[in-house]
């Protein structure tokens, strides 16, 4: 059936129409090619239009898909250093998390992999660029939302609006788009098709479009049906179609014009083949949460919303400070009990959901490793393994089905994308070397960071940095982000604070001599205050002895004076 034999409306929205049943499926069933440019894509939509895909495949049709791909600053920086754009994008695709929480996710990935393997679907990624075609980081995104259907007679049906190529776009969100028909001589069809071709051929000025089929194939190969079988969704459709052939009987093209009013009242359409029932609301909600953290228009609180905690206001502020200045390099020195682990957990969950932190190393004293693992699992739904020197050990969970331990070599353990390991273990000379030879990390967190210090600090027997500090000084070159956690950054001498801050890429005008002088001057002021207070209290005693009536007056004057001095020192100390 040609495209022009259907009653297309000039515009569609989610208010009064079922977009999949009334637009998507009818267009797909009549087409031999579907060209789509979209900011976001989810494989779940393919399951719900399997009938249309079967019809497309039966006519040797093709679907070409351009999906937005936003690079992070480290990836853009690597490209500026001369690394290939294609390799950076392919590496990003290989590390993107695949949703596998439910059977529907498995079905969607099976269908997607089958389409790619059969060359029914071609995928290319669009990377936003500046005017010189240089990739830019997360501040800009590819936000195109249009498509063109083409049938065997060469007729084209174009649409453009707010809708993404996702299940939430077609059946969950409130969306709207306009439709244009080539047989109605619409001036919008050819430009829409030309825009897609310009993008597909990588000829746009402010966008690079790359084919990464190898990367996609590598990730999806394991989801292919065995023995070259058709995906389950297509098999179910074929069985239903063989049982009952549904003949479509529709009004002629003259009954309704794509961009105009009807010439006469159209006759009612026969009922379409029933589509797959819509997913339950929880699935729609989870799909939204899964993608929300990646969106540049917000989503920074998704990690919190999907965690089993209610953070305190200061924890939220600490998280925002870390997340909004990516990659973060900060020393968090909250007092004991204020929740430094919670602040770090909020950052880890959000950065993992958003794809910013795909390789994470958490260095923790051996005694608190189990506590960290439990906190991440129970509060943030992050079941990351502990490396104990011989193998990886996950927190027991029903999803793991008892498979909670795996022996790994020294050359393999750090290939795990997110891992917790003892800082006591890693500062050993032999272990330090294997960690420094590992691939770079997106984020490293060091708990109880005050253990990284110089020996004999502030004494005549100072012996340089200890092994943990040596490790961190070298590891800072192997990570984009670094978070140091400690309630006691200074144990003995101010230089210990300097050593920790120096791991965080301090400005050039910061140097240890001025840093130490600052604390020495602060100590000098403190000693002066102590001397003044001592003499004041002595004067108070003498006044009380000779004239009790002056007691209240003296106390008031002395403490007013003393408080002024104390405030002046406090203000100067924290306003530097």
Protein backbone atom coordinates (compact mmCIF):
# COMPACT_ATOMS: atom_id res chain seq x y z
CA UNK A 1 0.00 0.00 0.00
CA UNK A 2 1.39 3.43 -0.89
CA UNK A 3 1.68 6.27 1.59
CA UNK A 4 -0.83 8.45 -0.25
CA UNK A 5 -3.63 5.92 0.36
CA UNK A 6 -3.81 6.78 4.05
CA UNK A 7 -5.63 9.65 5.73
CA UNK A 8 -2.74 11.60 7.20
CA UNK A 9 -3.53 14.48 9.46
CA UNK A 10 -1.60 17.75 9.03
CA UNK A 11 -0.57 17.59 12.70
CA UNK A 12 -0.54 15.06 15.54
CA UNK A 13 -0.30 15.39 19.27
CA UNK A 14 -0.69 13.18 22.34
CA UNK A 15 -3.86 14.89 23.50
CA UNK A 16 -6.32 13.08 21.28
CA UNK A 17 -4.36 10.51 19.31
CA UNK A 18 -2.50 7.27 19.88
CA UNK A 19 0.65 8.23 17.99
CA UNK A 20 1.96 4.70 17.47
CA UNK A 21 -1.34 3.28 16.19
CA UNK A 22 -2.47 6.25 14.13
CA UNK A 23 0.82 7.46 12.65
CA UNK A 24 3.96 5.41 13.29
CA UNK A 25 2.71 1.91 12.40
CA UNK A 26 0.71 2.92 9.31
CA UNK A 27 3.68 4.88 7.96
CA UNK A 28 6.18 2.10 8.66
CA UNK A 29 3.98 -0.58 7.05
CA UNK A 30 3.82 1.38 3.78
CA UNK A 31 7.50 2.35 3.54
CA UNK A 32 10.69 0.93 2.11
CA UNK A 33 12.87 3.47 3.86
CA UNK A 34 12.64 5.34 7.15
CA UNK A 35 15.14 8.13 7.80
CA UNK A 36 15.12 9.47 11.35
CA UNK A 37 17.15 12.14 13.18
CA UNK A 38 16.63 12.27 16.94
CA UNK A 39 18.26 13.59 20.06
CA UNK A 40 17.46 10.45 22.08
CA UNK A 41 16.77 6.83 21.15
CA UNK A 42 15.65 3.80 23.16
CA UNK A 43 15.39 0.27 21.77
CA UNK A 44 12.11 -0.26 23.61
CA UNK A 45 10.22 1.59 20.86
CA UNK A 46 11.19 -1.14 18.39
CA UNK A 47 9.26 -3.78 20.33
CA UNK A 48 6.08 -1.73 20.08
CA UNK A 49 6.34 -1.28 16.31
CA UNK A 50 7.49 -4.83 15.51
CA UNK A 51 4.58 -5.26 13.10
CA UNK A 52 5.74 -2.32 11.05
CA UNK A 53 9.37 -3.49 11.14
CA UNK A 54 8.29 -6.91 9.85
CA UNK A 55 6.54 -5.25 6.92
CA UNK A 56 9.60 -3.08 6.27
CA UNK A 57 11.90 -6.10 6.31
CA UNK A 58 9.59 -8.06 3.96
CA UNK A 59 10.11 -5.35 1.32
CA UNK A 60 13.91 -5.27 1.90
CA UNK A 61 13.43 -1.86 3.45
CA UNK A 62 15.96 0.06 5.47
CA UNK A 63 15.90 2.31 8.49
CA UNK A 64 18.62 4.95 8.86
CA UNK A 65 18.96 6.45 12.30
CA UNK A 66 21.00 9.48 13.43
CA UNK A 67 21.19 9.79 17.21
CA UNK A 68 22.68 12.61 19.24
CA UNK A 69 25.88 11.80 21.12
CA UNK A 70 27.20 14.26 23.69
CA UNK A 71 30.89 14.08 24.54
CA UNK A 72 32.26 14.89 27.97
CA UNK A 73 35.12 17.31 28.49
CA UNK A 74 37.80 14.60 28.92
CA UNK A 75 36.83 13.09 25.57
CA UNK A 76 36.88 16.49 23.85
CA UNK A 77 40.26 17.20 25.45
CA UNK A 78 41.59 13.90 24.10
CA UNK A 79 40.43 14.87 20.61
CA UNK A 80 42.19 18.23 20.93
CA UNK A 81 45.38 16.33 21.82
CA UNK A 82 45.17 14.52 18.51
CA UNK A 83 43.20 11.37 19.27
CA UNK A 84 40.73 10.28 16.61
CA UNK A 85 37.15 11.43 17.02
CA UNK A 86 35.89 8.09 15.74
CA UNK A 87 37.84 6.10 18.36
CA UNK A 88 36.61 8.34 21.19
CA UNK A 89 32.99 7.97 20.11
CA UNK A 90 33.32 4.21 19.64
CA UNK A 91 34.86 3.88 23.10
CA UNK A 92 31.97 5.85 24.59
CA UNK A 93 29.41 3.60 22.87
CA UNK A 94 31.09 0.46 24.21
CA UNK A 95 30.88 1.72 27.79
CA UNK A 96 27.30 2.97 27.75
CA UNK A 97 25.15 0.98 30.20
CA UNK A 98 22.51 -1.26 28.64
CA UNK A 99 19.13 -1.57 30.42
CA UNK A 100 18.58 -5.20 31.34
CA UNK A 101 16.36 -4.97 34.39
CA UNK A 102 13.32 -6.50 32.74
CA UNK A 103 12.36 -9.02 30.08
CA UNK A 104 11.09 -6.22 27.83
CA UNK A 105 14.61 -4.76 27.81
CA UNK A 106 16.00 -8.10 26.61
CA UNK A 107 13.38 -8.31 23.85
CA UNK A 108 14.16 -4.79 22.67
CA UNK A 109 17.90 -5.40 22.51
CA UNK A 110 17.33 -8.71 20.71
CA UNK A 111 15.26 -6.97 18.04
CA UNK A 112 17.73 -4.10 17.76
CA UNK A 113 20.71 -6.42 17.32
CA UNK A 114 18.84 -8.51 14.73
CA UNK A 115 18.00 -5.40 12.70
CA UNK A 116 21.62 -4.27 12.70
CA UNK A 117 22.94 -7.72 11.85
CA UNK A 118 20.49 -7.99 8.90
CA UNK A 119 21.43 -4.50 7.74
CA UNK A 120 17.84 -3.47 8.28
CA UNK A 121 19.02 -0.69 10.58
CA UNK A 122 22.00 1.62 10.13
CA UNK A 123 23.00 3.84 13.05
CA UNK A 124 25.19 6.94 13.05
CA UNK A 125 25.96 9.30 15.88
CA UNK A 126 25.79 13.08 15.72
CA UNK A 127 28.31 15.08 17.74
CA UNK A 128 27.70 18.84 18.19
CA UNK A 129 30.53 21.07 16.96
CA UNK A 130 31.51 24.70 16.85
CA UNK A 131 31.58 26.71 13.63
CA UNK A 132 34.94 25.13 12.75
CA UNK A 133 33.59 21.56 13.12
CA UNK A 134 35.50 21.00 16.35
CA UNK A 135 33.56 18.83 18.83
CA UNK A 136 32.23 20.60 21.90
CA UNK A 137 31.49 19.21 25.34
CA UNK A 138 28.19 18.87 27.25
CA UNK A 139 27.18 22.54 26.90
CA UNK A 140 25.69 21.81 23.45
CA UNK A 141 23.61 18.87 22.23
CA UNK A 142 22.23 17.43 19.01
CA UNK A 143 18.50 18.12 19.33
CA UNK A 144 17.03 17.32 15.90
CA UNK A 145 13.60 15.64 15.92
CA UNK A 146 12.36 14.82 12.46
CA UNK A 147 11.90 11.96 10.01
CA UNK A 148 11.02 11.00 6.44
CA UNK A 149 9.14 7.87 5.27
CA UNK A 150 9.53 6.81 1.61
CA UNK A 151 7.38 4.20 -0.16
CA UNK A 152 7.96 2.03 -3.26
CA UNK A 153 6.45 4.69 -5.54
CA UNK A 154 8.86 7.37 -4.33
CA UNK A 155 6.29 9.31 -2.33
CA UNK A 156 7.58 10.79 0.90
CA UNK A 157 5.94 11.60 4.21
CA UNK A 158 7.93 13.98 6.41
CA UNK A 159 7.34 15.01 10.01
CA UNK A 160 9.00 17.43 12.40
CA UNK A 161 8.21 18.38 15.99
CA UNK A 162 9.07 17.60 19.60
CA UNK A 163 9.10 13.80 19.51
CA UNK A 164 12.18 11.63 20.12
CA UNK A 165 12.63 8.05 18.88
CA UNK A 166 11.82 6.45 22.22
CA UNK A 167 8.92 4.69 23.86
CA UNK A 168 8.33 7.59 26.21
CA UNK A 169 8.32 9.94 23.21
CA UNK A 170 5.78 7.99 21.16
CA UNK A 171 3.50 6.76 23.95
CA UNK A 172 4.41 8.37 27.29
CA UNK A 173 5.15 12.08 26.96
CA UNK A 174 2.90 14.83 25.64
CA UNK A 175 4.35 15.45 22.17
CA UNK A 176 3.30 17.19 18.95
CA UNK A 177 4.57 17.28 15.36
CA UNK A 178 3.52 18.46 11.89
CA UNK A 179 3.23 16.20 8.86
CA UNK A 180 4.00 17.05 5.22
CA UNK A 181 3.22 15.02 2.07
CA UNK A 182 5.24 15.13 -1.15
CA UNK A 183 2.17 14.36 -3.33
CA UNK A 184 0.55 17.49 -1.97
CA UNK A 185 3.50 19.53 -3.26
CA UNK A 186 4.41 20.55 0.29
CA UNK A 187 7.47 22.86 0.34
CA UNK A 188 8.68 21.23 3.59
CA UNK A 189 9.31 17.65 2.42
CA UNK A 190 12.37 18.20 0.23
CA UNK A 191 14.20 20.43 2.79
CA UNK A 192 13.55 17.88 5.54
CA UNK A 193 14.94 15.07 3.37
CA UNK A 194 17.91 17.22 2.33
CA UNK A 195 18.75 18.07 5.95
CA UNK A 196 18.88 14.38 6.77
CA UNK A 197 21.11 13.59 3.77
CA UNK A 198 23.46 16.43 4.69
CA UNK A 199 23.79 15.03 8.19
CA UNK A 200 24.10 11.41 7.02
CA UNK A 201 26.97 12.30 4.68
CA UNK A 202 28.70 14.28 7.46
CA UNK A 203 28.48 17.54 5.52
CA UNK A 204 26.90 19.74 8.21
CA UNK A 205 29.02 22.60 9.49
CA UNK A 206 28.14 22.47 13.18
CA UNK A 207 27.76 18.74 13.53
CA UNK A 208 29.92 15.66 12.91
CA UNK A 209 28.09 12.43 12.03
CA UNK A 210 29.99 9.19 12.41
CA UNK A 211 29.18 5.60 11.70
CA UNK A 212 30.12 3.39 14.65
CA UNK A 213 28.47 0.19 13.56
CA UNK A 214 31.46 -1.84 14.75
CA UNK A 215 31.09 -0.50 18.27
CA UNK A 216 27.35 -1.09 18.24
CA UNK A 217 27.76 -4.60 16.85
CA UNK A 218 30.32 -5.48 19.49
CA UNK A 219 27.93 -4.54 22.29
CA UNK A 220 24.85 -6.16 20.82
CA UNK A 221 26.28 -9.39 19.45
CA UNK A 222 25.45 -11.33 22.61
CA UNK A 223 21.75 -10.45 22.24
CA UNK A 224 21.34 -12.00 18.78
CA UNK A 225 18.85 -14.90 18.67
CA UNK A 226 20.54 -18.32 18.36
CA UNK A 227 20.89 -20.13 15.03
CA UNK A 228 19.91 -17.09 12.99
CA UNK A 229 16.34 -17.23 14.31
CA UNK A 230 13.98 -14.29 14.05
CA UNK A 231 13.45 -12.23 17.21
CA UNK A 232 10.63 -13.31 19.49
CA UNK A 233 8.63 -10.16 18.79
CA UNK A 234 8.62 -10.79 15.04
CA UNK A 235 7.74 -14.47 15.48
CA UNK A 236 4.72 -13.54 17.59
CA UNK A 237 3.61 -11.06 14.96
CA UNK A 238 3.94 -13.62 12.15
CA UNK A 239 1.88 -16.19 14.04
CA UNK A 240 -0.87 -13.67 14.69
CA UNK A 241 -0.76 -12.50 11.08
CA UNK A 242 -1.06 -16.02 9.68
CA UNK A 243 -4.02 -16.81 11.91
CA UNK A 244 -5.98 -13.86 10.67
CA UNK A 245 -5.21 -11.73 7.64
CA UNK A 246 -6.53 -8.27 8.29
CA UNK A 247 -7.46 -6.49 5.09
CA UNK A 248 -7.28 -2.75 5.24
CA UNK A 249 -9.97 -0.75 3.51
CA UNK A 250 -9.32 2.96 3.57
CA UNK A 251 -10.70 6.06 1.80
CA UNK A 252 -8.90 7.36 -1.26
CA UNK A 253 -6.29 10.04 -1.12
CA UNK A 254 -8.76 12.66 -2.35
CA UNK A 255 -10.94 12.27 0.71
CA UNK A 256 -8.38 13.99 2.94
CA UNK A 257 -5.59 16.35 2.07
CA UNK A 258 -2.43 16.28 4.11
CA UNK A 259 -2.23 20.02 4.45
CA UNK A 260 -5.82 21.03 3.98
CA UNK A 261 -9.43 20.44 4.98
CA UNK A 262 -11.36 17.35 3.88
CA UNK A 263 -13.27 17.59 0.63
CA UNK A 264 -15.94 15.36 2.03
CA UNK A 265 -16.55 13.57 5.27
CA UNK A 266 -14.19 10.57 5.27
CA UNK A 267 -15.62 7.16 5.97
CA UNK A 268 -14.56 5.54 9.22
CA UNK A 269 -11.36 3.55 9.06
CA UNK A 270 -11.44 -0.12 9.87
CA UNK A 271 -9.79 -1.09 13.10
CA UNK A 272 -6.05 -1.51 12.90
CA UNK A 273 -4.34 -4.67 13.95
CA UNK A 274 -4.15 -4.48 17.73
CA UNK A 275 -0.79 -3.18 18.80
CA UNK A 276 1.27 -4.49 21.66
CA UNK A 277 -0.27 -3.39 24.96
CA UNK A 278 1.38 -0.28 26.38
CA UNK A 279 3.95 -0.87 29.09
CA UNK A 280 2.97 -0.46 32.72
CA UNK A 281 3.47 2.97 34.23
CA UNK A 282 6.41 1.83 36.35
CA UNK A 283 8.26 0.83 33.18
CA UNK A 284 7.63 4.24 31.63
CA UNK A 285 8.78 5.95 34.81
CA UNK A 286 11.91 3.85 35.03
CA UNK A 287 12.72 4.56 31.38
CA UNK A 288 12.48 8.26 32.14
CA UNK A 289 14.75 7.98 35.15
CA UNK A 290 17.23 5.91 33.20
CA UNK A 291 17.67 8.64 30.60
CA UNK A 292 17.01 11.76 32.68
CA UNK A 293 20.48 12.00 34.21
CA UNK A 294 22.01 12.27 30.74
CA UNK A 295 19.88 15.22 29.72
CA UNK A 296 21.61 18.60 29.72
CA UNK A 297 18.42 20.41 30.72
CA UNK A 298 18.47 19.04 34.24
CA UNK A 299 18.39 15.71 35.91
CA UNK A 300 21.13 16.38 38.45
CA UNK A 301 18.78 15.28 41.24
CA UNK A 302 17.89 11.97 39.59
CA UNK A 303 20.65 10.24 41.52
CA UNK A 304 19.12 11.49 44.76
CA UNK A 305 15.57 10.61 43.67
CA UNK A 306 16.57 7.01 42.91
CA UNK A 307 18.53 6.58 46.15
CA UNK A 308 17.21 5.27 49.45
CA UNK A 309 18.15 8.39 51.40
CA UNK A 310 16.95 11.87 52.21
CA UNK A 311 20.12 13.98 52.23
CA UNK A 312 20.62 16.92 54.53
CA UNK A 313 20.89 20.42 53.00
CA UNK A 314 24.66 20.65 53.48
CA UNK A 315 25.07 17.25 51.78
CA UNK A 316 23.10 18.50 48.78
CA UNK A 317 25.27 21.61 48.57
CA UNK A 318 28.44 19.52 48.73
CA UNK A 319 27.12 17.22 45.99
CA UNK A 320 26.23 20.18 43.76
CA UNK A 321 29.67 21.69 44.26
CA UNK A 322 31.29 18.45 43.14
CA UNK A 323 28.92 17.65 40.25
CA UNK A 324 28.61 21.13 38.74
CA UNK A 325 32.40 21.53 38.50
CA UNK A 326 33.19 18.39 36.57
CA UNK A 327 35.68 16.83 36.79
CA UNK A 328 35.70 17.55 40.54
CA UNK A 329 38.91 18.05 42.49
CA UNK A 330 37.98 18.80 46.06
CA UNK A 331 38.91 18.12 49.67
CA UNK A 332 35.79 17.39 51.75
CA UNK A 333 36.67 17.95 55.41
CA UNK A 334 33.28 17.75 57.16
CA UNK A 335 33.28 16.85 60.83
CA UNK A 336 32.72 13.25 61.89
CA UNK A 337 29.04 12.35 61.60
CA UNK A 338 28.13 14.93 58.93
CA UNK A 339 27.98 12.30 56.16
CA UNK A 340 30.99 12.52 53.87
CA UNK A 341 30.17 9.03 52.59
CA UNK A 342 26.64 10.17 51.74
CA UNK A 343 27.99 13.15 49.79
CA UNK A 344 30.35 10.89 47.88
CA UNK A 345 27.58 8.34 47.25
CA UNK A 346 25.29 11.01 45.79
CA UNK A 347 28.05 12.03 43.41
CA UNK A 348 28.86 8.44 42.42
CA UNK A 349 25.26 7.50 41.63
CA UNK A 350 24.52 10.66 39.67
CA UNK A 351 27.79 10.60 37.72
CA UNK A 352 27.31 6.89 36.92
CA UNK A 353 23.73 7.41 35.70
CA UNK A 354 24.81 10.39 33.59
CA UNK A 355 27.71 8.48 32.05
CA UNK A 356 30.28 10.94 33.36
CA UNK A 357 32.03 8.41 35.59
CA UNK A 358 32.46 5.12 33.73
CA UNK A 359 35.66 4.12 35.55
CA UNK A 360 35.67 4.75 39.29
CA UNK A 361 38.26 3.77 41.90
CA UNK A 362 37.39 4.08 45.60
CA UNK A 363 40.41 3.78 47.93
CA UNK A 364 39.34 3.02 51.48
CA UNK A 365 41.12 1.75 54.62
CA UNK A 366 40.74 -2.03 54.81
CA UNK A 367 38.69 -1.90 58.01
CA UNK A 368 35.87 0.14 56.46
CA UNK A 369 35.75 -1.52 53.01
CA UNK A 370 32.69 -3.66 53.89
CA UNK A 371 30.93 -0.60 55.31
CA UNK A 372 31.51 1.33 52.10
CA UNK A 373 30.20 -1.53 49.98
CA UNK A 374 27.06 -1.86 52.11
CA UNK A 375 26.44 1.90 52.05
CA UNK A 376 26.71 2.08 48.26
CA UNK A 377 24.48 -0.98 47.81
CA UNK A 378 21.74 -0.18 50.31
CA UNK A 379 21.58 3.61 49.96
CA UNK A 380 22.53 4.17 46.31
CA UNK A 381 21.80 0.85 44.56
CA UNK A 382 25.43 0.55 43.43
CA UNK A 383 26.68 -3.00 43.90
CA UNK A 384 30.38 -2.48 43.24
CA UNK A 385 32.89 -5.19 44.04
CA UNK A 386 35.70 -5.15 46.58
CA UNK A 387 39.11 -6.24 45.35
CA UNK A 388 40.86 -8.08 48.18
CA UNK A 389 44.14 -8.81 46.43
CA UNK A 390 43.02 -12.11 44.91
CA UNK A 391 39.54 -11.62 43.54
CA UNK A 392 36.46 -9.45 43.23
CA UNK A 393 33.67 -9.82 45.75
CA UNK A 394 30.19 -8.33 45.31
CA UNK A 395 27.57 -7.74 47.98
CA UNK A 396 25.10 -10.69 47.99
CA UNK A 397 22.03 -9.83 45.95
CA UNK A 398 19.15 -11.82 44.39
CA UNK A 399 20.11 -10.50 40.96
CA UNK A 400 23.54 -12.13 41.20
CA UNK A 401 22.02 -15.55 41.93
CA UNK A 402 24.88 -16.53 44.22
CA UNK A 403 27.60 -15.52 41.76
CA UNK A 404 29.25 -12.99 44.09
CA UNK A 405 32.95 -13.83 43.79
CA UNK A 406 35.42 -14.06 40.92
CA UNK A 407 39.13 -14.76 40.99
CA UNK A 408 41.13 -12.27 38.95
CA UNK A 409 44.80 -11.69 38.27
CA UNK A 410 46.74 -8.57 39.10
CA UNK A 411 46.48 -7.60 35.47
CA UNK A 412 42.69 -8.05 35.36
CA UNK A 413 41.15 -6.61 38.50
CA UNK A 414 41.48 -2.98 37.47
CA UNK A 415 39.60 -3.70 34.23
CA UNK A 416 36.46 -3.69 36.37
CA UNK A 417 34.85 -0.29 35.63
CA UNK A 418 33.94 0.52 39.26
CA UNK A 419 35.79 -1.08 42.16
CA UNK A 420 36.54 -0.59 45.85
CA UNK A 421 40.02 -1.47 47.08
CA UNK A 422 42.06 -1.11 50.27
CA UNK A 423 44.33 1.93 50.36
CA UNK A 424 46.61 -0.09 52.66
CA UNK A 425 46.96 -2.74 49.93
CA UNK A 426 47.55 -0.33 47.07
CA UNK A 427 50.35 1.60 48.76
CA UNK A 428 52.57 -1.48 48.79
CA UNK A 429 55.39 -1.07 46.27
CA UNK A 430 54.42 -4.04 44.11
CA UNK A 431 50.73 -3.11 44.17
CA UNK A 432 51.41 0.55 43.47
CA UNK A 433 53.02 -0.34 40.15
CA UNK A 434 50.06 -2.40 38.91
CA UNK A 435 47.61 0.38 39.81
CA UNK A 436 49.67 3.00 38.00
CA UNK A 437 49.78 0.80 34.90
CA UNK A 438 45.98 0.53 34.77
CA UNK A 439 43.86 2.53 32.36
CA UNK A 440 43.07 6.07 33.57
CA UNK A 441 40.09 6.60 35.84
CA UNK A 442 37.25 9.08 35.46
CA UNK A 443 37.04 9.53 39.22
CA UNK A 444 39.12 8.48 42.22
CA UNK A 445 37.88 8.83 45.80
CA UNK A 446 40.27 8.52 48.75
CA UNK A 447 38.64 8.06 52.14
CA UNK A 448 40.55 8.94 55.34
CA UNK A 449 42.82 11.04 53.15
CA UNK A 450 44.89 12.25 56.13
CA UNK A 451 46.75 8.93 55.95
CA UNK A 452 48.45 10.37 52.85
CA UNK A 453 51.03 12.55 54.60
CA UNK A 454 54.74 13.22 54.84
CA UNK A 455 56.74 11.46 57.54
CA UNK A 456 57.95 13.63 60.41
CA UNK A 457 55.98 16.66 59.19
CA UNK A 458 57.12 19.93 60.80
CA UNK A 459 60.09 18.37 62.58
CA UNK A 460 63.79 18.23 61.95
CA UNK A 461 63.42 14.56 61.02
CA UNK A 462 61.07 15.13 58.07
CA UNK A 463 61.52 12.26 55.64
CA UNK A 464 59.31 13.10 52.67
CA UNK A 465 55.93 11.65 51.61
CA UNK A 466 54.82 8.25 52.84
CA UNK A 467 53.85 5.56 50.34
CA UNK A 468 50.17 6.49 50.22
CA UNK A 469 51.01 10.11 49.48
CA UNK A 470 53.50 8.96 46.83
CA UNK A 471 50.76 6.84 45.27
CA UNK A 472 48.29 9.75 45.21
CA UNK A 473 50.89 12.13 43.75
CA UNK A 474 51.37 9.76 40.84
CA UNK A 475 47.74 8.69 40.61
CA UNK A 476 46.55 12.29 40.18
CA UNK A 477 47.98 12.13 36.67
CA UNK A 478 45.88 9.01 35.98
CA UNK A 479 42.48 10.40 36.87
CA UNK A 480 40.22 13.20 35.69
CA UNK A 481 38.48 13.75 39.03
CA UNK A 482 39.80 13.36 42.58
CA UNK A 483 37.84 13.60 45.83
CA UNK A 484 39.63 13.52 49.20
CA UNK A 485 37.58 12.74 52.31
CA UNK A 486 38.81 13.37 55.85
CA UNK A 487 37.56 14.95 59.07
CA UNK A 488 41.11 15.74 60.19
CA UNK A 489 43.16 17.12 57.28
CA UNK A 490 45.85 18.38 59.70
CA UNK A 491 47.28 15.92 62.21
CA UNK A 492 50.51 17.59 63.33
CA UNK A 493 51.58 20.40 61.03
CA UNK A 494 49.94 22.72 58.44
CA UNK A 495 52.13 21.27 55.69
CA UNK A 496 49.92 18.16 55.85
CA UNK A 497 46.98 20.25 54.62
CA UNK A 498 49.17 21.65 51.88
CA UNK A 499 50.13 18.15 50.71
CA UNK A 500 46.46 17.18 50.33
CA UNK A 501 45.49 20.40 48.57
CA UNK A 502 48.47 20.05 46.25
CA UNK A 503 46.88 16.88 44.84
CA UNK A 504 43.98 18.98 43.52
CA UNK A 505 45.72 21.11 40.85
CA UNK A 506 46.21 24.29 42.88
CA UNK A 507 46.71 27.62 41.09
CA UNK A 508 50.36 28.46 40.29
CA UNK A 509 50.50 31.34 42.81
CA UNK A 510 49.85 28.91 45.65
CA UNK A 511 53.09 27.61 47.10
CA UNK A 512 53.95 25.84 50.35
CA UNK A 513 56.07 28.64 51.83
CA UNK A 514 53.26 31.21 51.75
CA UNK A 515 50.82 28.57 52.95
CA UNK A 516 52.93 27.80 56.04
CA UNK A 517 53.54 31.51 56.71
CA UNK A 518 49.83 32.09 56.75
CA UNK A 519 49.29 29.52 59.48
CA UNK A 520 52.27 30.83 61.44
CA UNK A 521 50.80 34.32 61.43
CA UNK A 522 47.44 32.93 62.47
CA UNK A 523 49.14 31.14 65.38
CA UNK A 524 50.93 34.36 66.34
CA UNK A 525 47.62 36.25 66.49
CA UNK A 526 46.11 33.46 68.57
CA UNK A 527 48.97 33.70 71.06
CA UNK A 528 48.49 37.45 71.33
CA UNK A 529 44.81 36.99 72.10
CA UNK A 530 45.68 34.42 74.73
CA UNK A 531 48.09 36.90 76.32
CA UNK A 532 45.51 39.67 76.30
CA UNK A 533 42.87 37.44 77.81
CA UNK A 534 45.28 36.30 80.54
CA UNK A 535 46.19 39.87 81.53
CA UNK A 536 42.54 40.92 81.35
CA UNK A 537 41.41 38.20 83.70
CA UNK A 538 44.27 39.15 86.06
CA UNK A 539 43.05 42.78 85.99
CA UNK A 540 39.53 41.52 86.65
CA UNK A 541 40.71 39.68 89.75
CA UNK A 542 42.49 42.79 91.11
CA UNK A 543 39.42 44.95 90.48
CA UNK A 544 37.20 42.46 92.20
CA UNK A 545 39.50 42.39 95.20
CA UNK A 546 39.59 46.16 95.66
CA UNK A 547 36.16 47.14 94.46
CA UNK A 548 33.43 44.57 94.17
CA UNK A 549 31.09 47.21 92.74
CA UNK A 550 33.19 47.37 89.58
CA UNK A 551 32.86 43.62 88.93
CA UNK A 552 30.01 43.70 86.44
CA UNK A 553 31.44 46.66 84.58
CA UNK A 554 34.87 45.07 84.26
CA UNK A 555 33.46 41.76 83.07
CA UNK A 556 31.39 43.52 80.42
CA UNK A 557 34.29 45.60 79.14
CA UNK A 558 36.78 42.76 79.11
CA UNK A 559 34.58 40.29 77.27
CA UNK A 560 33.42 42.90 74.76
CA UNK A 561 37.03 43.67 73.95
CA UNK A 562 38.02 40.02 73.84
CA UNK A 563 35.12 39.04 71.57
CA UNK A 564 36.03 41.77 69.11
CA UNK A 565 39.55 40.44 68.87
CA UNK A 566 38.38 36.88 68.48
CA UNK A 567 35.95 37.84 65.69
CA UNK A 568 38.65 39.80 63.90
CA UNK A 569 40.93 36.77 63.89
CA UNK A 570 38.08 34.45 62.85
CA UNK A 571 37.11 36.71 59.97
CA UNK A 572 40.67 37.14 58.71
CA UNK A 573 41.28 33.40 58.89
CA UNK A 574 38.31 32.35 56.79
CA UNK A 575 38.18 35.21 54.35
CA UNK A 576 41.62 34.65 52.84
